[in-house]
N, C-alpha and C. Protein backbone atom coordinates (compact mmCIF):
# COMPACT_ATOMS: atom_id res chain seq x y z
N MET A 1 80.64 45.24 -61.33
CA MET A 1 79.19 45.26 -61.40
C MET A 1 78.73 44.42 -62.57
N ARG A 2 77.54 43.84 -62.45
CA ARG A 2 77.13 42.89 -63.47
C ARG A 2 76.51 43.58 -64.67
N GLU A 3 75.24 43.29 -64.96
CA GLU A 3 74.64 43.82 -66.17
C GLU A 3 74.13 45.22 -65.97
N LYS A 4 74.12 45.97 -67.09
CA LYS A 4 73.64 47.33 -67.06
C LYS A 4 72.16 47.31 -66.69
N GLY A 5 71.79 48.24 -65.80
CA GLY A 5 70.38 48.30 -65.43
C GLY A 5 70.08 47.56 -64.14
N THR A 6 71.08 46.87 -63.57
CA THR A 6 70.85 46.17 -62.31
C THR A 6 70.44 47.19 -61.24
N THR A 7 69.35 46.91 -60.53
CA THR A 7 68.86 47.87 -59.54
C THR A 7 69.78 47.90 -58.33
N MET A 8 70.16 49.16 -57.90
CA MET A 8 71.00 49.30 -56.73
C MET A 8 70.66 50.58 -55.99
N ALA A 9 71.53 51.04 -55.01
CA ALA A 9 71.18 52.21 -54.24
C ALA A 9 72.34 53.00 -53.72
N ALA A 10 72.08 54.19 -53.01
CA ALA A 10 73.16 55.04 -52.55
C ALA A 10 72.91 55.91 -51.34
N GLU A 11 73.95 56.63 -50.82
CA GLU A 11 73.97 57.51 -49.66
C GLU A 11 74.68 58.83 -49.82
N GLU A 12 74.77 59.71 -48.73
CA GLU A 12 75.31 61.05 -48.91
C GLU A 12 75.98 61.81 -47.76
N GLN A 13 76.72 62.85 -48.00
CA GLN A 13 77.16 64.00 -47.20
C GLN A 13 78.64 64.31 -47.09
N ASN A 14 78.97 65.43 -46.47
CA ASN A 14 80.30 66.00 -46.43
C ASN A 14 80.91 66.09 -45.03
N PRO A 15 82.27 66.32 -44.91
CA PRO A 15 82.91 66.19 -43.63
C PRO A 15 83.11 67.42 -42.82
N GLU A 16 84.05 68.24 -43.15
CA GLU A 16 84.60 69.17 -42.21
C GLU A 16 83.76 70.41 -41.99
N GLU A 17 83.38 71.13 -43.05
CA GLU A 17 82.70 72.37 -42.81
C GLU A 17 81.20 72.26 -42.95
N GLN A 18 80.72 71.28 -43.67
CA GLN A 18 79.29 71.18 -43.85
C GLN A 18 78.71 70.13 -42.93
N ASN A 19 77.65 70.50 -42.25
CA ASN A 19 77.00 69.55 -41.36
C ASN A 19 75.91 68.82 -42.11
N PRO A 20 75.81 67.48 -41.93
CA PRO A 20 74.81 66.70 -42.63
C PRO A 20 73.40 67.11 -42.26
N GLN A 21 72.50 67.00 -43.21
CA GLN A 21 71.10 67.31 -42.98
C GLN A 21 70.38 66.05 -42.54
N GLY A 22 70.67 65.55 -41.34
CA GLY A 22 70.11 64.29 -40.89
C GLY A 22 68.77 64.45 -40.22
N GLU A 23 67.97 63.39 -40.25
CA GLU A 23 66.71 63.36 -39.55
C GLU A 23 66.60 62.04 -38.83
N SER A 24 65.65 61.92 -37.94
CA SER A 24 65.49 60.69 -37.18
C SER A 24 65.06 59.56 -38.09
N SER A 25 65.21 58.32 -37.60
CA SER A 25 64.86 57.15 -38.39
C SER A 25 63.38 57.14 -38.71
N GLU A 26 62.58 57.92 -37.94
CA GLU A 26 61.15 57.93 -38.16
C GLU A 26 60.78 58.82 -39.34
N GLN A 27 61.67 59.76 -39.72
CA GLN A 27 61.33 60.67 -40.79
C GLN A 27 62.57 61.07 -41.56
N LEU A 28 62.97 60.27 -42.50
CA LEU A 28 64.09 60.59 -43.38
C LEU A 28 63.51 61.31 -44.59
N ALA A 29 64.16 62.41 -44.97
CA ALA A 29 63.66 63.18 -46.11
C ALA A 29 63.54 62.28 -47.33
N PRO A 30 62.40 62.34 -48.04
CA PRO A 30 62.21 61.49 -49.21
C PRO A 30 63.17 61.86 -50.34
N PRO A 31 63.59 60.89 -51.14
CA PRO A 31 64.51 61.17 -52.25
C PRO A 31 63.81 61.95 -53.35
N VAL A 32 64.60 62.72 -54.10
CA VAL A 32 64.06 63.47 -55.23
C VAL A 32 63.60 62.51 -56.32
N ASN A 33 64.35 61.43 -56.49
CA ASN A 33 64.04 60.41 -57.50
C ASN A 33 63.63 59.13 -56.76
N GLU A 34 62.49 58.57 -57.11
CA GLU A 34 62.01 57.37 -56.39
C GLU A 34 62.93 56.17 -56.57
N ASN A 35 63.83 56.22 -57.56
CA ASN A 35 64.78 55.12 -57.77
C ASN A 35 66.07 55.30 -56.96
N PHE A 36 66.21 56.45 -56.31
CA PHE A 36 67.42 56.70 -55.53
C PHE A 36 67.47 55.78 -54.31
N LYS A 37 68.64 55.27 -54.05
CA LYS A 37 68.93 54.53 -52.83
C LYS A 37 70.29 54.99 -52.32
N TRP A 38 70.57 54.65 -51.09
CA TRP A 38 71.82 55.09 -50.46
C TRP A 38 72.88 53.99 -50.51
N TYR A 39 74.11 54.41 -50.84
CA TYR A 39 75.26 53.50 -50.83
C TYR A 39 76.41 54.16 -50.08
N ILE A 40 77.32 53.31 -49.61
CA ILE A 40 78.54 53.81 -48.97
C ILE A 40 79.71 53.55 -49.91
N ILE A 41 80.46 54.63 -50.16
CA ILE A 41 81.67 54.54 -50.97
C ILE A 41 82.87 54.58 -50.04
N HIS A 42 83.80 53.68 -50.25
CA HIS A 42 85.03 53.68 -49.45
C HIS A 42 86.04 54.62 -50.09
N ALA A 43 86.62 55.49 -49.27
CA ALA A 43 87.62 56.45 -49.76
C ALA A 43 88.84 56.40 -48.84
N TYR A 44 89.93 56.98 -49.30
CA TYR A 44 91.10 57.09 -48.43
C TYR A 44 90.73 57.96 -47.22
N SER A 45 91.07 57.49 -46.04
CA SER A 45 90.77 58.24 -44.83
C SER A 45 91.46 59.60 -44.87
N GLY A 46 90.71 60.66 -44.57
CA GLY A 46 91.26 62.00 -44.60
C GLY A 46 91.01 62.72 -45.92
N PHE A 47 90.52 61.96 -46.92
CA PHE A 47 90.28 62.55 -48.24
C PHE A 47 88.79 62.53 -48.60
N GLU A 48 87.94 62.40 -47.59
CA GLU A 48 86.50 62.31 -47.85
C GLU A 48 85.98 63.55 -48.59
N ARG A 49 86.43 64.71 -48.18
CA ARG A 49 85.95 65.93 -48.82
C ARG A 49 86.43 66.02 -50.27
N LYS A 50 87.67 65.64 -50.51
CA LYS A 50 88.21 65.66 -51.87
C LYS A 50 87.44 64.70 -52.76
N VAL A 51 87.09 63.54 -52.22
CA VAL A 51 86.33 62.55 -52.99
C VAL A 51 84.95 63.12 -53.33
N ARG A 52 84.34 63.78 -52.39
CA ARG A 52 83.03 64.39 -52.65
C ARG A 52 83.13 65.40 -53.79
N GLU A 53 84.15 66.25 -53.75
CA GLU A 53 84.33 67.27 -54.79
C GLU A 53 84.60 66.61 -56.15
N SER A 54 85.43 65.57 -56.14
CA SER A 54 85.74 64.87 -57.39
C SER A 54 84.50 64.20 -57.98
N LEU A 55 83.69 63.59 -57.10
CA LEU A 55 82.47 62.95 -57.57
C LEU A 55 81.54 63.96 -58.22
N GLU A 56 81.37 65.11 -57.59
CA GLU A 56 80.49 66.14 -58.14
C GLU A 56 80.98 66.60 -59.51
N SER A 57 82.30 66.77 -59.65
CA SER A 57 82.85 67.21 -60.94
C SER A 57 82.67 66.15 -62.03
N ARG A 58 82.94 64.90 -61.67
CA ARG A 58 82.85 63.82 -62.66
C ARG A 58 81.40 63.55 -63.08
N ILE A 59 80.49 63.63 -62.12
CA ILE A 59 79.07 63.41 -62.44
C ILE A 59 78.61 64.47 -63.45
N THR A 60 79.04 65.71 -63.25
CA THR A 60 78.68 66.79 -64.18
C THR A 60 79.33 66.57 -65.54
N ALA A 61 80.61 66.20 -65.54
CA ALA A 61 81.34 66.00 -66.79
C ALA A 61 80.73 64.89 -67.64
N PHE A 62 80.22 63.85 -66.99
CA PHE A 62 79.63 62.72 -67.71
C PHE A 62 78.12 62.87 -67.91
N GLY A 63 77.57 64.02 -67.47
CA GLY A 63 76.15 64.26 -67.67
C GLY A 63 75.24 63.30 -66.95
N LEU A 64 75.62 62.93 -65.72
CA LEU A 64 74.84 61.94 -64.96
C LEU A 64 74.14 62.57 -63.76
N GLN A 65 73.89 63.89 -63.84
CA GLN A 65 73.29 64.58 -62.70
C GLN A 65 71.94 64.00 -62.29
N ASN A 66 71.18 63.48 -63.26
CA ASN A 66 69.86 62.93 -62.94
C ASN A 66 69.94 61.56 -62.27
N LYS A 67 71.15 61.00 -62.18
CA LYS A 67 71.33 59.67 -61.59
C LYS A 67 71.83 59.73 -60.15
N ILE A 68 72.12 60.94 -59.68
CA ILE A 68 72.72 61.04 -58.35
C ILE A 68 72.07 62.16 -57.55
N GLY A 69 71.89 61.94 -56.24
CA GLY A 69 71.27 62.93 -55.37
C GLY A 69 72.28 63.53 -54.42
N ARG A 70 72.04 63.33 -53.13
CA ARG A 70 72.91 63.92 -52.11
C ARG A 70 74.20 63.11 -51.91
N ILE A 71 75.26 63.84 -51.63
CA ILE A 71 76.56 63.22 -51.30
C ILE A 71 76.95 63.77 -49.94
N MET A 72 77.06 62.90 -48.96
CA MET A 72 77.26 63.39 -47.60
C MET A 72 78.42 62.70 -46.88
N ILE A 73 79.06 63.48 -46.01
CA ILE A 73 80.12 62.97 -45.15
C ILE A 73 79.69 63.30 -43.72
N PRO A 74 79.18 62.35 -42.97
CA PRO A 74 78.69 62.62 -41.61
C PRO A 74 79.80 63.14 -40.70
N THR A 75 79.49 64.22 -40.00
CA THR A 75 80.45 64.82 -39.07
C THR A 75 79.81 65.05 -37.72
N GLU A 76 80.64 65.32 -36.73
CA GLU A 76 80.17 65.69 -35.41
C GLU A 76 81.05 66.81 -34.89
N PRO A 77 80.49 67.76 -34.14
CA PRO A 77 81.28 68.88 -33.63
C PRO A 77 82.15 68.46 -32.45
N ILE A 78 83.38 68.90 -32.47
CA ILE A 78 84.33 68.62 -31.39
C ILE A 78 84.91 69.95 -30.92
N THR A 79 84.91 70.18 -29.61
CA THR A 79 85.49 71.40 -29.06
C THR A 79 86.91 71.14 -28.60
N GLU A 80 87.84 71.93 -29.10
CA GLU A 80 89.25 71.77 -28.75
C GLU A 80 89.71 72.99 -27.95
N LEU A 81 90.69 72.75 -27.08
CA LEU A 81 91.31 73.84 -26.36
C LEU A 81 92.66 74.14 -26.99
N ARG A 82 92.84 75.38 -27.43
CA ARG A 82 94.13 75.78 -28.00
C ARG A 82 94.56 77.07 -27.32
N ASN A 83 95.68 77.01 -26.65
CA ASN A 83 96.20 78.18 -25.94
C ASN A 83 95.16 78.80 -25.01
N GLY A 84 94.41 77.93 -24.34
CA GLY A 84 93.43 78.40 -23.37
C GLY A 84 92.11 78.85 -23.97
N LYS A 85 91.97 78.80 -25.31
CA LYS A 85 90.73 79.21 -25.96
C LYS A 85 90.04 77.99 -26.58
N LYS A 86 88.71 78.05 -26.62
CA LYS A 86 87.93 76.93 -27.15
C LYS A 86 87.54 77.18 -28.60
N TYR A 87 87.73 76.15 -29.42
CA TYR A 87 87.35 76.21 -30.83
C TYR A 87 86.52 74.97 -31.15
N THR A 88 85.45 75.16 -31.90
CA THR A 88 84.62 74.02 -32.30
C THR A 88 84.83 73.73 -33.78
N ILE A 89 85.17 72.48 -34.08
CA ILE A 89 85.38 72.06 -35.47
C ILE A 89 84.47 70.87 -35.74
N ASP A 90 84.24 70.60 -37.01
CA ASP A 90 83.46 69.42 -37.41
C ASP A 90 84.42 68.29 -37.77
N ARG A 91 84.28 67.16 -37.09
CA ARG A 91 85.16 66.01 -37.32
C ARG A 91 84.38 64.87 -37.96
N VAL A 92 84.99 64.25 -38.96
CA VAL A 92 84.37 63.10 -39.61
C VAL A 92 84.34 61.94 -38.61
N PHE A 93 83.15 61.37 -38.37
CA PHE A 93 83.10 60.27 -37.40
C PHE A 93 83.04 58.90 -38.08
N LEU A 94 83.02 58.87 -39.41
CA LEU A 94 83.13 57.61 -40.14
C LEU A 94 84.25 57.77 -41.17
N PRO A 95 85.51 57.78 -40.70
CA PRO A 95 86.64 58.00 -41.63
C PRO A 95 86.62 56.99 -42.78
N GLY A 96 86.82 57.52 -43.99
CA GLY A 96 86.89 56.66 -45.17
C GLY A 96 85.54 56.32 -45.77
N TYR A 97 84.46 56.87 -45.23
CA TYR A 97 83.11 56.58 -45.74
C TYR A 97 82.49 57.85 -46.34
N VAL A 98 81.94 57.71 -47.53
CA VAL A 98 81.18 58.79 -48.17
C VAL A 98 79.82 58.21 -48.53
N LEU A 99 78.75 58.85 -48.09
CA LEU A 99 77.40 58.36 -48.35
C LEU A 99 76.85 59.03 -49.60
N VAL A 100 76.35 58.22 -50.52
CA VAL A 100 75.86 58.75 -51.79
C VAL A 100 74.46 58.21 -52.09
N GLU A 101 73.59 59.10 -52.48
CA GLU A 101 72.22 58.75 -52.84
C GLU A 101 72.14 58.73 -54.36
N MET A 102 71.77 57.59 -54.95
CA MET A 102 71.81 57.51 -56.41
C MET A 102 70.96 56.39 -56.98
N ASP A 103 70.76 56.48 -58.27
CA ASP A 103 70.10 55.44 -59.06
C ASP A 103 71.23 54.73 -59.78
N LEU A 104 71.80 53.73 -59.15
CA LEU A 104 73.04 53.12 -59.61
C LEU A 104 72.83 52.18 -60.79
N ASP A 105 73.63 52.42 -61.85
CA ASP A 105 73.65 51.50 -62.98
C ASP A 105 75.11 51.28 -63.37
N ASN A 106 75.33 50.57 -64.45
CA ASN A 106 76.68 50.20 -64.84
C ASN A 106 77.56 51.42 -65.14
N ASP A 107 77.01 52.41 -65.87
CA ASP A 107 77.79 53.61 -66.23
C ASP A 107 78.20 54.38 -64.98
N LEU A 108 77.25 54.60 -64.09
CA LEU A 108 77.53 55.35 -62.88
C LEU A 108 78.51 54.59 -61.99
N TRP A 109 78.36 53.28 -61.93
CA TRP A 109 79.28 52.45 -61.14
C TRP A 109 80.72 52.66 -61.58
N HIS A 110 80.96 52.65 -62.91
CA HIS A 110 82.32 52.83 -63.42
C HIS A 110 82.85 54.24 -63.16
N VAL A 111 81.99 55.25 -63.29
CA VAL A 111 82.42 56.62 -63.04
C VAL A 111 82.87 56.78 -61.59
N ILE A 112 82.09 56.24 -60.68
CA ILE A 112 82.43 56.35 -59.25
C ILE A 112 83.66 55.51 -58.91
N LYS A 113 83.70 54.29 -59.41
CA LYS A 113 84.80 53.37 -59.10
C LYS A 113 86.15 53.93 -59.56
N ASN A 114 86.13 54.72 -60.65
CA ASN A 114 87.37 55.27 -61.20
C ASN A 114 87.66 56.69 -60.72
N THR A 115 86.93 57.13 -59.72
CA THR A 115 87.19 58.46 -59.14
C THR A 115 88.43 58.38 -58.26
N PRO A 116 89.34 59.35 -58.38
CA PRO A 116 90.56 59.34 -57.55
C PRO A 116 90.25 59.21 -56.07
N ARG A 117 91.03 58.39 -55.39
CA ARG A 117 90.96 58.16 -53.94
C ARG A 117 89.73 57.35 -53.52
N VAL A 118 88.99 56.81 -54.48
CA VAL A 118 87.88 55.90 -54.15
C VAL A 118 88.41 54.48 -54.26
N THR A 119 88.19 53.67 -53.23
CA THR A 119 88.70 52.30 -53.25
C THR A 119 87.61 51.26 -53.52
N GLY A 120 86.35 51.71 -53.52
CA GLY A 120 85.29 50.75 -53.81
C GLY A 120 84.00 51.10 -53.11
N PHE A 121 83.06 50.14 -53.12
CA PHE A 121 81.76 50.32 -52.48
C PHE A 121 81.63 49.38 -51.28
N LEU A 122 80.71 49.72 -50.40
CA LEU A 122 80.36 48.78 -49.33
C LEU A 122 79.57 47.65 -49.97
N GLY A 123 80.05 46.43 -49.81
CA GLY A 123 79.39 45.29 -50.44
C GLY A 123 80.42 44.21 -50.73
N THR A 124 80.00 43.21 -51.44
CA THR A 124 80.91 42.12 -51.78
C THR A 124 81.22 42.13 -53.27
N GLY A 125 82.50 42.06 -53.58
CA GLY A 125 82.90 42.03 -54.98
C GLY A 125 82.43 43.26 -55.73
N ASP A 126 81.80 43.02 -56.88
CA ASP A 126 81.31 44.13 -57.70
C ASP A 126 79.83 44.41 -57.48
N ASN A 127 79.30 43.99 -56.34
CA ASN A 127 77.88 44.17 -56.06
C ASN A 127 77.68 45.07 -54.84
N PRO A 128 77.58 46.39 -55.06
CA PRO A 128 77.35 47.31 -53.93
C PRO A 128 76.05 46.98 -53.20
N VAL A 129 76.06 47.18 -51.91
CA VAL A 129 74.87 46.91 -51.10
C VAL A 129 74.23 48.23 -50.69
N ALA A 130 72.94 48.39 -51.01
CA ALA A 130 72.22 49.60 -50.63
C ALA A 130 71.89 49.55 -49.14
N LEU A 131 71.95 50.70 -48.49
CA LEU A 131 71.60 50.78 -47.08
C LEU A 131 70.08 50.88 -46.92
N SER A 132 69.60 50.40 -45.79
CA SER A 132 68.18 50.53 -45.50
C SER A 132 67.92 51.95 -45.01
N GLU A 133 66.67 52.35 -45.04
CA GLU A 133 66.31 53.69 -44.57
C GLU A 133 66.68 53.86 -43.10
N GLN A 134 66.54 52.79 -42.33
CA GLN A 134 66.88 52.84 -40.90
C GLN A 134 68.38 53.06 -40.71
N GLU A 135 69.19 52.38 -41.51
CA GLU A 135 70.64 52.54 -41.40
C GLU A 135 71.07 53.96 -41.76
N VAL A 136 70.48 54.49 -42.83
CA VAL A 136 70.81 55.85 -43.25
C VAL A 136 70.40 56.84 -42.17
N SER A 137 69.20 56.68 -41.64
CA SER A 137 68.69 57.59 -40.62
C SER A 137 69.56 57.58 -39.37
N SER A 138 70.02 56.40 -38.96
CA SER A 138 70.83 56.31 -37.75
C SER A 138 72.14 57.08 -37.90
N ILE A 139 72.71 57.05 -39.11
CA ILE A 139 73.96 57.77 -39.36
C ILE A 139 73.70 59.27 -39.41
N LEU A 140 72.71 59.68 -40.18
CA LEU A 140 72.44 61.10 -40.34
C LEU A 140 71.88 61.71 -39.07
N PHE A 141 71.09 60.92 -38.33
CA PHE A 141 70.52 61.45 -37.09
C PHE A 141 71.63 61.68 -36.06
N ARG A 142 72.61 60.81 -36.03
CA ARG A 142 73.73 61.01 -35.10
C ARG A 142 74.44 62.33 -35.42
N SER A 143 74.63 62.59 -36.71
CA SER A 143 75.29 63.83 -37.12
C SER A 143 74.49 65.04 -36.67
N ASP A 144 73.18 64.98 -36.87
CA ASP A 144 72.31 66.11 -36.55
C ASP A 144 72.24 66.33 -35.04
N ALA A 145 72.10 65.24 -34.29
CA ALA A 145 71.97 65.34 -32.84
C ALA A 145 73.26 65.84 -32.21
N ALA A 146 74.39 65.45 -32.77
CA ALA A 146 75.68 65.84 -32.18
C ALA A 146 75.90 67.34 -32.25
N LYS A 147 75.23 68.03 -33.19
CA LYS A 147 75.41 69.47 -33.32
C LYS A 147 74.90 70.20 -32.09
N ASP A 148 73.95 69.60 -31.37
CA ASP A 148 73.37 70.26 -30.21
C ASP A 148 74.32 70.31 -29.02
N LYS A 149 75.23 69.35 -28.95
CA LYS A 149 76.12 69.30 -27.80
C LYS A 149 77.50 68.80 -28.23
N PRO A 150 78.37 69.72 -28.67
CA PRO A 150 79.72 69.34 -29.10
C PRO A 150 80.48 68.67 -27.96
N SER A 151 81.23 67.62 -28.28
CA SER A 151 82.05 66.97 -27.26
C SER A 151 83.40 67.67 -27.19
N MET A 152 84.07 67.52 -26.05
CA MET A 152 85.34 68.18 -25.85
C MET A 152 86.49 67.25 -26.19
N LYS A 153 87.37 67.73 -27.05
CA LYS A 153 88.56 66.96 -27.38
C LYS A 153 89.70 67.47 -26.50
N VAL A 154 89.66 67.08 -25.25
CA VAL A 154 90.69 67.51 -24.31
C VAL A 154 90.85 66.40 -23.28
N LYS A 155 92.07 66.16 -22.87
CA LYS A 155 92.35 65.07 -21.95
C LYS A 155 92.60 65.62 -20.55
N PHE A 156 91.87 65.06 -19.58
CA PHE A 156 92.07 65.43 -18.19
C PHE A 156 92.67 64.25 -17.44
N ASP A 157 93.46 64.57 -16.43
CA ASP A 157 94.08 63.53 -15.59
C ASP A 157 93.61 63.68 -14.16
N LYS A 158 93.47 62.56 -13.49
CA LYS A 158 93.07 62.59 -12.08
C LYS A 158 94.12 63.32 -11.27
N GLY A 159 93.68 64.24 -10.41
CA GLY A 159 94.60 65.02 -9.60
C GLY A 159 95.01 66.33 -10.24
N GLU A 160 94.67 66.51 -11.51
CA GLU A 160 95.03 67.73 -12.22
C GLU A 160 94.21 68.92 -11.70
N GLN A 161 94.85 70.08 -11.62
CA GLN A 161 94.19 71.29 -11.15
C GLN A 161 93.43 71.97 -12.30
N VAL A 162 92.15 72.32 -12.02
CA VAL A 162 91.35 73.01 -13.02
C VAL A 162 90.61 74.17 -12.34
N ARG A 163 90.19 75.13 -13.18
CA ARG A 163 89.41 76.27 -12.67
C ARG A 163 88.04 76.26 -13.34
N ILE A 164 86.98 76.31 -12.55
CA ILE A 164 85.62 76.34 -13.09
C ILE A 164 85.37 77.74 -13.67
N ASN A 165 84.86 77.79 -14.89
CA ASN A 165 84.70 79.08 -15.56
C ASN A 165 83.24 79.51 -15.75
N GLU A 166 82.29 78.70 -15.25
CA GLU A 166 80.88 79.01 -15.48
C GLU A 166 80.02 78.43 -14.37
N GLY A 167 78.90 79.06 -14.12
CA GLY A 167 77.98 78.53 -13.13
C GLY A 167 78.22 79.06 -11.73
N PRO A 168 77.54 78.51 -10.72
CA PRO A 168 77.62 79.02 -9.33
C PRO A 168 79.01 78.86 -8.71
N PHE A 169 79.84 77.96 -9.26
CA PHE A 169 81.19 77.77 -8.71
C PHE A 169 82.26 78.40 -9.59
N ALA A 170 81.87 79.35 -10.44
CA ALA A 170 82.83 80.02 -11.32
C ALA A 170 83.98 80.61 -10.51
N ASN A 171 85.18 80.40 -11.05
CA ASN A 171 86.45 80.89 -10.45
C ASN A 171 86.95 80.03 -9.30
N PHE A 172 86.19 78.99 -8.91
CA PHE A 172 86.71 78.05 -7.92
C PHE A 172 87.76 77.16 -8.60
N THR A 173 88.81 76.86 -7.85
CA THR A 173 89.86 75.98 -8.35
C THR A 173 89.87 74.70 -7.53
N GLY A 174 90.09 73.56 -8.21
CA GLY A 174 90.13 72.30 -7.48
C GLY A 174 90.84 71.22 -8.28
N ALA A 175 90.94 70.05 -7.67
CA ALA A 175 91.63 68.93 -8.31
C ALA A 175 90.60 67.97 -8.90
N VAL A 176 90.92 67.43 -10.07
CA VAL A 176 90.05 66.45 -10.72
C VAL A 176 90.07 65.16 -9.91
N ASP A 177 88.89 64.69 -9.49
CA ASP A 177 88.81 63.47 -8.69
C ASP A 177 88.30 62.28 -9.51
N ASP A 178 87.49 62.58 -10.53
CA ASP A 178 86.94 61.51 -11.35
C ASP A 178 86.62 62.07 -12.73
N ILE A 179 86.70 61.20 -13.75
CA ILE A 179 86.49 61.62 -15.14
C ILE A 179 85.48 60.68 -15.79
N ASN A 180 84.43 61.24 -16.35
CA ASN A 180 83.43 60.45 -17.06
C ASN A 180 83.46 60.84 -18.53
N GLU A 181 84.18 60.05 -19.35
CA GLU A 181 84.34 60.37 -20.77
C GLU A 181 83.01 60.32 -21.51
N ASP A 182 82.15 59.36 -21.16
CA ASP A 182 80.88 59.21 -21.86
C ASP A 182 79.97 60.43 -21.66
N LYS A 183 79.88 60.89 -20.42
CA LYS A 183 79.03 62.04 -20.13
C LYS A 183 79.75 63.37 -20.33
N GLN A 184 81.08 63.30 -20.58
CA GLN A 184 81.89 64.51 -20.76
C GLN A 184 81.81 65.40 -19.51
N THR A 185 81.95 64.73 -18.33
CA THR A 185 81.91 65.48 -17.08
C THR A 185 83.10 65.10 -16.19
N LEU A 186 83.39 66.00 -15.26
CA LEU A 186 84.44 65.77 -14.27
C LEU A 186 83.85 65.90 -12.88
N LYS A 187 84.44 65.20 -11.91
CA LYS A 187 84.14 65.47 -10.51
C LYS A 187 85.36 66.23 -9.98
N VAL A 188 85.13 67.47 -9.59
CA VAL A 188 86.22 68.33 -9.13
C VAL A 188 86.04 68.60 -7.64
N MET A 189 87.11 68.41 -6.88
CA MET A 189 87.08 68.66 -5.43
C MET A 189 87.47 70.11 -5.19
N VAL A 190 86.49 70.91 -4.75
CA VAL A 190 86.75 72.32 -4.47
C VAL A 190 86.56 72.59 -2.98
N SER A 191 87.22 73.62 -2.50
CA SER A 191 87.12 73.97 -1.08
C SER A 191 86.02 75.01 -0.89
N ILE A 192 84.97 74.62 -0.18
CA ILE A 192 83.85 75.53 0.09
C ILE A 192 83.72 75.67 1.60
N PHE A 193 83.91 76.90 2.11
CA PHE A 193 83.89 77.16 3.55
C PHE A 193 84.87 76.25 4.29
N GLY A 194 86.05 76.06 3.65
CA GLY A 194 87.09 75.29 4.29
C GLY A 194 86.91 73.79 4.23
N ARG A 195 85.85 73.35 3.53
CA ARG A 195 85.59 71.91 3.44
C ARG A 195 85.69 71.46 1.97
N SER A 196 86.39 70.34 1.73
CA SER A 196 86.53 69.81 0.38
C SER A 196 85.21 69.20 -0.09
N THR A 197 84.68 69.74 -1.19
CA THR A 197 83.37 69.33 -1.68
C THR A 197 83.45 68.91 -3.14
N PRO A 198 82.85 67.74 -3.50
CA PRO A 198 82.87 67.32 -4.91
C PRO A 198 81.83 68.08 -5.73
N VAL A 199 82.25 68.55 -6.89
CA VAL A 199 81.35 69.26 -7.81
C VAL A 199 81.44 68.58 -9.17
N GLU A 200 80.28 68.16 -9.69
CA GLU A 200 80.27 67.56 -11.03
C GLU A 200 80.07 68.67 -12.04
N ILE A 201 80.95 68.71 -13.02
CA ILE A 201 80.94 69.82 -13.99
C ILE A 201 81.30 69.31 -15.38
N GLU A 202 80.73 69.93 -16.39
CA GLU A 202 81.02 69.53 -17.77
C GLU A 202 82.43 69.94 -18.18
N PHE A 203 83.02 69.15 -19.11
CA PHE A 203 84.36 69.47 -19.62
C PHE A 203 84.45 70.93 -20.07
N SER A 204 83.40 71.38 -20.75
CA SER A 204 83.44 72.72 -21.36
C SER A 204 83.41 73.85 -20.36
N LYS A 205 83.12 73.53 -19.09
CA LYS A 205 82.98 74.57 -18.09
C LYS A 205 84.18 74.69 -17.15
N VAL A 206 85.28 74.06 -17.55
CA VAL A 206 86.50 74.18 -16.75
C VAL A 206 87.68 74.51 -17.66
N ASP A 207 88.69 75.13 -17.07
CA ASP A 207 89.94 75.41 -17.77
C ASP A 207 91.07 74.76 -16.98
N LYS A 208 92.05 74.26 -17.71
CA LYS A 208 93.22 73.72 -17.03
C LYS A 208 94.00 74.86 -16.38
N VAL A 209 94.52 74.61 -15.20
CA VAL A 209 95.33 75.60 -14.52
C VAL A 209 96.77 75.40 -14.95
N THR A 210 97.34 76.44 -15.55
CA THR A 210 98.73 76.34 -16.01
C THR A 210 99.61 77.14 -15.07
N GLU A 211 100.83 76.66 -14.91
CA GLU A 211 101.78 77.33 -14.00
C GLU A 211 102.16 78.70 -14.56
C-alpha cells in the first residue's frame, strides 16, 4: 500500500454457521461510518471462518475497532442426505473470499495483510480495490435469497429408483427419467392405474430406494 491516508474500502461476513445479513442491490444497509467501503480479502480456502476470527482479535488488539465494520463470509444453505435423513448446512459459496467493511489506511492494511492465512486483497499489487455498492449487494443478496430455498447436495442417476415422500404422490415409487440440476427437480416415471406417468418433483421430496 502506498501513502498513509490513501482512501480505500471494504466488505464483510462469515461462512458456516452464520448467515449473511444481505439485502437487495436496491437497498444495502448504510455503513456505520461514512468512510467505510467494502473490500475482498483473499484467504486460504476452507479457513474463511478462522480468518474472520483472527481479524476480529487483531483489530481489537491494535485498537482499530473504529476503522472496521462488518466482516462477512457469504454462505448458502445446502441440504444433504445422510443415512436417509436430511440435514441442512451453510456452505461457503465464495471459497477463499472474506468481505470486510472498513476505512482502510496504511496501519489497517498492514494488520490485515499480516493476519494468519490471509494471502492478500482483491486488487493489483499493493492497491486494494473497493467494491461498488451493486457488487456488494449482489453477493449479499444471493446469500439472503438462498436461505429461502436450500439446494440439495445429492446426486441422482437416470433410471435410479426413488420414492416420493411428500405431496399427492407420496409413497409412489418410480424410476428417474430426467434430472434438472438448475431447478433442483426430477422427472419420475410412476405407475398410476397401471399406466406409466411422468411426475415432476423437487429433489427434497424424494428418497433414494435402497435394497
